[in-house]
């Protein structure tokens, strides 16, 4: 019996090595690219209008995450005033939220808004006063 020629043996080993490498590469890439599910809100703008003993607050927020974010409340600093909310923002969507506050806020000082949602809260954003 004759053995396989060295040239054919080397070619077969090379083909098996490349095929094995492709299988391992595809497995690792599919594992690393598994989608992560998270929600992340960003406040684009915040405006308030004070009139007749009440304040109207408009907050524009966008969800830059991969799953829906449920807003549970809005906090206004430095008054430490909390307003509850129940608003859902889908991934990639921007929503404008209007909140009525039955208390006049002093428009002469800087106020900041923090939006609380199911995965955390946003960074404080300064509220612009509309006159």
C-alpha atoms as a PDB file:
ATOM      1  CA  UNK A   1       0.000   0.000   0.000  1.00  0.00           C
ATOM      2  CA  UNK A   2       1.158   3.445  -0.825  1.00  0.00           C
ATOM      3  CA  UNK A   3       0.766   6.488   1.408  1.00  0.00           C
ATOM      4  CA  UNK A   4      -0.700   9.867   0.388  1.00  0.00           C
ATOM      5  CA  UNK A   5       1.787  12.055  -1.359  1.00  0.00           C
ATOM      6  CA  UNK A   6       3.224  14.866   0.819  1.00  0.00           C
ATOM      7  CA  UNK A   7       1.727  17.543  -1.452  1.00  0.00           C
ATOM      8  CA  UNK A   8      -1.835  16.202  -1.125  1.00  0.00           C
ATOM      9  CA  UNK A   9      -1.375  15.710   2.642  1.00  0.00           C
ATOM     10  CA  UNK A  10      -0.223  19.305   3.104  1.00  0.00           C
ATOM     11  CA  UNK A  11      -3.182  20.589   1.048  1.00  0.00           C
ATOM     12  CA  UNK A  12      -5.660  18.548   3.116  1.00  0.00           C
ATOM     13  CA  UNK A  13      -4.162  19.792   6.398  1.00  0.00           C
ATOM     14  CA  UNK A  14      -4.353  23.387   5.149  1.00  0.00           C
ATOM     15  CA  UNK A  15      -8.023  22.991   4.131  1.00  0.00           C
ATOM     16  CA  UNK A  16      -8.945  21.407   7.492  1.00  0.00           C
ATOM     17  CA  UNK A  17      -7.121  24.175   9.403  1.00  0.00           C
ATOM     18  CA  UNK A  18      -8.854  26.975   7.455  1.00  0.00           C
ATOM     19  CA  UNK A  19     -12.286  25.330   7.865  1.00  0.00           C
ATOM     20  CA  UNK A  20     -11.741  24.915  11.622  1.00  0.00           C
ATOM     21  CA  UNK A  21     -10.605  28.513  11.923  1.00  0.00           C
ATOM     22  CA  UNK A  22     -13.745  29.729  10.125  1.00  0.00           C
ATOM     23  CA  UNK A  23     -15.987  27.703  12.447  1.00  0.00           C
ATOM     24  CA  UNK A  24     -14.279  29.135  15.556  1.00  0.00           C
ATOM     25  CA  UNK A  25     -14.328  32.682  14.105  1.00  0.00           C
ATOM     26  CA  UNK A  26     -18.075  32.518  13.342  1.00  0.00           C
ATOM     27  CA  UNK A  27     -18.855  31.152  16.808  1.00  0.00           C
ATOM     28  CA  UNK A  28     -16.856  33.873  18.587  1.00  0.00           C
ATOM     29  CA  UNK A  29     -18.277  36.688  16.439  1.00  0.00           C
ATOM     30  CA  UNK A  30     -21.879  35.543  16.978  1.00  0.00           C
ATOM     31  CA  UNK A  31     -21.298  35.281  20.720  1.00  0.00           C
ATOM     32  CA  UNK A  32     -19.726  38.754  20.981  1.00  0.00           C
ATOM     33  CA  UNK A  33     -22.413  40.397  18.858  1.00  0.00           C
ATOM     34  CA  UNK A  34     -25.307  39.218  21.035  1.00  0.00           C
ATOM     35  CA  UNK A  35     -27.529  42.284  21.480  1.00  0.00           C
ATOM     36  CA  UNK A  36     -27.510  43.915  24.897  1.00  0.00           C
ATOM     37  CA  UNK A  37     -30.900  45.150  26.092  1.00  0.00           C
ATOM     38  CA  UNK A  38     -30.792  48.508  27.889  1.00  0.00           C
ATOM     39  CA  UNK A  39     -32.582  51.824  27.974  1.00  0.00           C
ATOM     40  CA  UNK A  40     -30.835  55.166  28.229  1.00  0.00           C
ATOM     41  CA  UNK A  41     -32.607  58.516  28.320  1.00  0.00           C
ATOM     42  CA  UNK A  42     -31.097  61.849  27.392  1.00  0.00           C
ATOM     43  CA  UNK A  43     -32.787  65.185  28.067  1.00  0.00           C
ATOM     44  CA  UNK A  44     -32.522  67.369  24.971  1.00  0.00           C
ATOM     45  CA  UNK A  45     -34.174  70.465  26.390  1.00  0.00           C
ATOM     46  CA  UNK A  46     -36.118  71.679  29.411  1.00  0.00           C
ATOM     47  CA  UNK A  47     -38.265  74.816  29.500  1.00  0.00           C
ATOM     48  CA  UNK A  48     -40.574  76.309  32.106  1.00  0.00           C
ATOM     49  CA  UNK A  49     -43.259  78.926  32.013  1.00  0.00           C
ATOM     50  CA  UNK A  50     -44.406  80.501  35.298  1.00  0.00           C
ATOM     51  CA  UNK A  51     -47.819  82.165  35.327  1.00  0.00           C
ATOM     52  CA  UNK A  52     -50.574  82.824  37.897  1.00  0.00           C
ATOM     53  CA  UNK A  53     -49.192  80.681  40.712  1.00  0.00           C
ATOM     54  CA  UNK A  54     -48.413  77.626  38.627  1.00  0.00           C
ATOM     55  CA  UNK A  55     -45.548  76.396  36.505  1.00  0.00           C
ATOM     56  CA  UNK A  56     -45.676  74.494  33.227  1.00  0.00           C
ATOM     57  CA  UNK A  57     -42.566  72.411  32.606  1.00  0.00           C
ATOM     58  CA  UNK A  58     -41.729  71.039  29.165  1.00  0.00           C
ATOM     59  CA  UNK A  59     -39.053  68.358  28.936  1.00  0.00           C
ATOM     60  CA  UNK A  60     -37.911  66.882  25.633  1.00  0.00           C
ATOM     61  CA  UNK A  61     -36.251  63.477  26.127  1.00  0.00           C
ATOM     62  CA  UNK A  62     -34.959  60.813  23.753  1.00  0.00           C
ATOM     63  CA  UNK A  63     -34.272  57.125  24.312  1.00  0.00           C
ATOM     64  CA  UNK A  64     -30.873  56.176  22.899  1.00  0.00           C
ATOM     65  CA  UNK A  65     -31.059  52.615  24.241  1.00  0.00           C
ATOM     66  CA  UNK A  66     -32.215  49.352  22.684  1.00  0.00           C
ATOM     67  CA  UNK A  67     -35.342  48.770  24.778  1.00  0.00           C
ATOM     68  CA  UNK A  68     -38.252  50.929  25.972  1.00  0.00           C
ATOM     69  CA  UNK A  69     -37.728  53.292  28.902  1.00  0.00           C
ATOM     70  CA  UNK A  70     -40.527  54.013  31.361  1.00  0.00           C
ATOM     71  CA  UNK A  71     -40.329  57.461  32.969  1.00  0.00           C
ATOM     72  CA  UNK A  72     -41.443  57.247  36.587  1.00  0.00           C
ATOM     73  CA  UNK A  73     -40.870  60.816  37.691  1.00  0.00           C
ATOM     74  CA  UNK A  74     -39.202  64.178  37.188  1.00  0.00           C
ATOM     75  CA  UNK A  75     -37.189  65.920  39.883  1.00  0.00           C
ATOM     76  CA  UNK A  76     -36.588  69.684  39.905  1.00  0.00           C
ATOM     77  CA  UNK A  77     -33.535  70.983  41.713  1.00  0.00           C
ATOM     78  CA  UNK A  78     -32.678  72.972  43.892  1.00  0.00           C
ATOM     79  CA  UNK A  79     -36.291  72.903  45.188  1.00  0.00           C
ATOM     80  CA  UNK A  80     -36.108  69.085  45.405  1.00  0.00           C
ATOM     81  CA  UNK A  81     -39.606  68.991  43.946  1.00  0.00           C
ATOM     82  CA  UNK A  82     -40.753  65.652  42.510  1.00  0.00           C
ATOM     83  CA  UNK A  83     -43.497  65.163  39.951  1.00  0.00           C
ATOM     84  CA  UNK A  84     -44.626  61.635  39.168  1.00  0.00           C
ATOM     85  CA  UNK A  85     -45.094  60.543  35.581  1.00  0.00           C
ATOM     86  CA  UNK A  86     -45.964  57.374  33.721  1.00  0.00           C
ATOM     87  CA  UNK A  87     -44.621  57.743  30.201  1.00  0.00           C
ATOM     88  CA  UNK A  88     -42.942  55.131  28.007  1.00  0.00           C
ATOM     89  CA  UNK A  89     -40.424  56.095  25.335  1.00  0.00           C
ATOM     90  CA  UNK A  90     -39.514  53.492  22.716  1.00  0.00           C
ATOM     91  CA  UNK A  91     -35.928  53.101  21.442  1.00  0.00           C
ATOM     92  CA  UNK A  92     -34.880  55.871  19.068  1.00  0.00           C
ATOM     93  CA  UNK A  93     -37.944  58.009  19.857  1.00  0.00           C
ATOM     94  CA  UNK A  94     -37.973  61.582  21.175  1.00  0.00           C
ATOM     95  CA  UNK A  95     -40.959  62.736  23.244  1.00  0.00           C
ATOM     96  CA  UNK A  96     -41.999  66.100  24.563  1.00  0.00           C
ATOM     97  CA  UNK A  97     -43.455  65.888  28.079  1.00  0.00           C
ATOM     98  CA  UNK A  98     -45.568  68.671  29.594  1.00  0.00           C
ATOM     99  CA  UNK A  99     -45.960  68.727  33.373  1.00  0.00           C
ATOM    100  CA  UNK A 100     -48.185  71.078  35.383  1.00  0.00           C
ATOM    101  CA  UNK A 101     -46.753  72.098  38.741  1.00  0.00           C
ATOM    102  CA  UNK A 102     -49.212  73.777  41.114  1.00  0.00           C
ATOM    103  CA  UNK A 103     -46.444  75.843  42.663  1.00  0.00           C
ATOM    104  CA  UNK A 104     -44.709  78.883  41.221  1.00  0.00           C
ATOM    105  CA  UNK A 105     -40.976  78.390  40.799  1.00  0.00           C
ATOM    106  CA  UNK A 106     -38.722  81.411  41.089  1.00  0.00           C
ATOM    107  CA  UNK A 107     -37.624  82.194  37.508  1.00  0.00           C
ATOM    108  CA  UNK A 108     -34.727  84.334  38.751  1.00  0.00           C
ATOM    109  CA  UNK A 109     -32.682  81.317  39.938  1.00  0.00           C
ATOM    110  CA  UNK A 110     -31.331  78.429  37.895  1.00  0.00           C
ATOM    111  CA  UNK A 111     -33.380  75.260  38.097  1.00  0.00           C
ATOM    112  CA  UNK A 112     -32.304  71.818  36.910  1.00  0.00           C
ATOM    113  CA  UNK A 113     -34.371  68.829  35.855  1.00  0.00           C
ATOM    114  CA  UNK A 114     -33.563  65.155  36.415  1.00  0.00           C
ATOM    115  CA  UNK A 115     -35.705  62.516  34.698  1.00  0.00           C
ATOM    116  CA  UNK A 116     -36.075  59.253  36.629  1.00  0.00           C
ATOM    117  CA  UNK A 117     -36.741  56.084  34.636  1.00  0.00           C
ATOM    118  CA  UNK A 118     -36.667  52.317  35.082  1.00  0.00           C
ATOM    119  CA  UNK A 119     -32.897  51.966  34.465  1.00  0.00           C
ATOM    120  CA  UNK A 120     -31.721  55.020  36.425  1.00  0.00           C
ATOM    121  CA  UNK A 121     -31.869  58.759  35.987  1.00  0.00           C
ATOM    122  CA  UNK A 122     -30.534  61.383  33.616  1.00  0.00           C
ATOM    123  CA  UNK A 123     -27.867  63.949  34.319  1.00  0.00           C
ATOM    124  CA  UNK A 124     -29.189  67.306  35.564  1.00  0.00           C
ATOM    125  CA  UNK A 125     -30.096  69.680  32.737  1.00  0.00           C
ATOM    126  CA  UNK A 126     -30.658  73.410  33.246  1.00  0.00           C
ATOM    127  CA  UNK A 127     -34.222  74.596  32.678  1.00  0.00           C
ATOM    128  CA  UNK A 128     -34.653  77.609  30.399  1.00  0.00           C
ATOM    129  CA  UNK A 129     -37.294  80.129  31.445  1.00  0.00           C
ATOM    130  CA  UNK A 130     -39.844  81.219  28.858  1.00  0.00           C
ATOM    131  CA  UNK A 131     -41.134  84.732  29.415  1.00  0.00           C
END
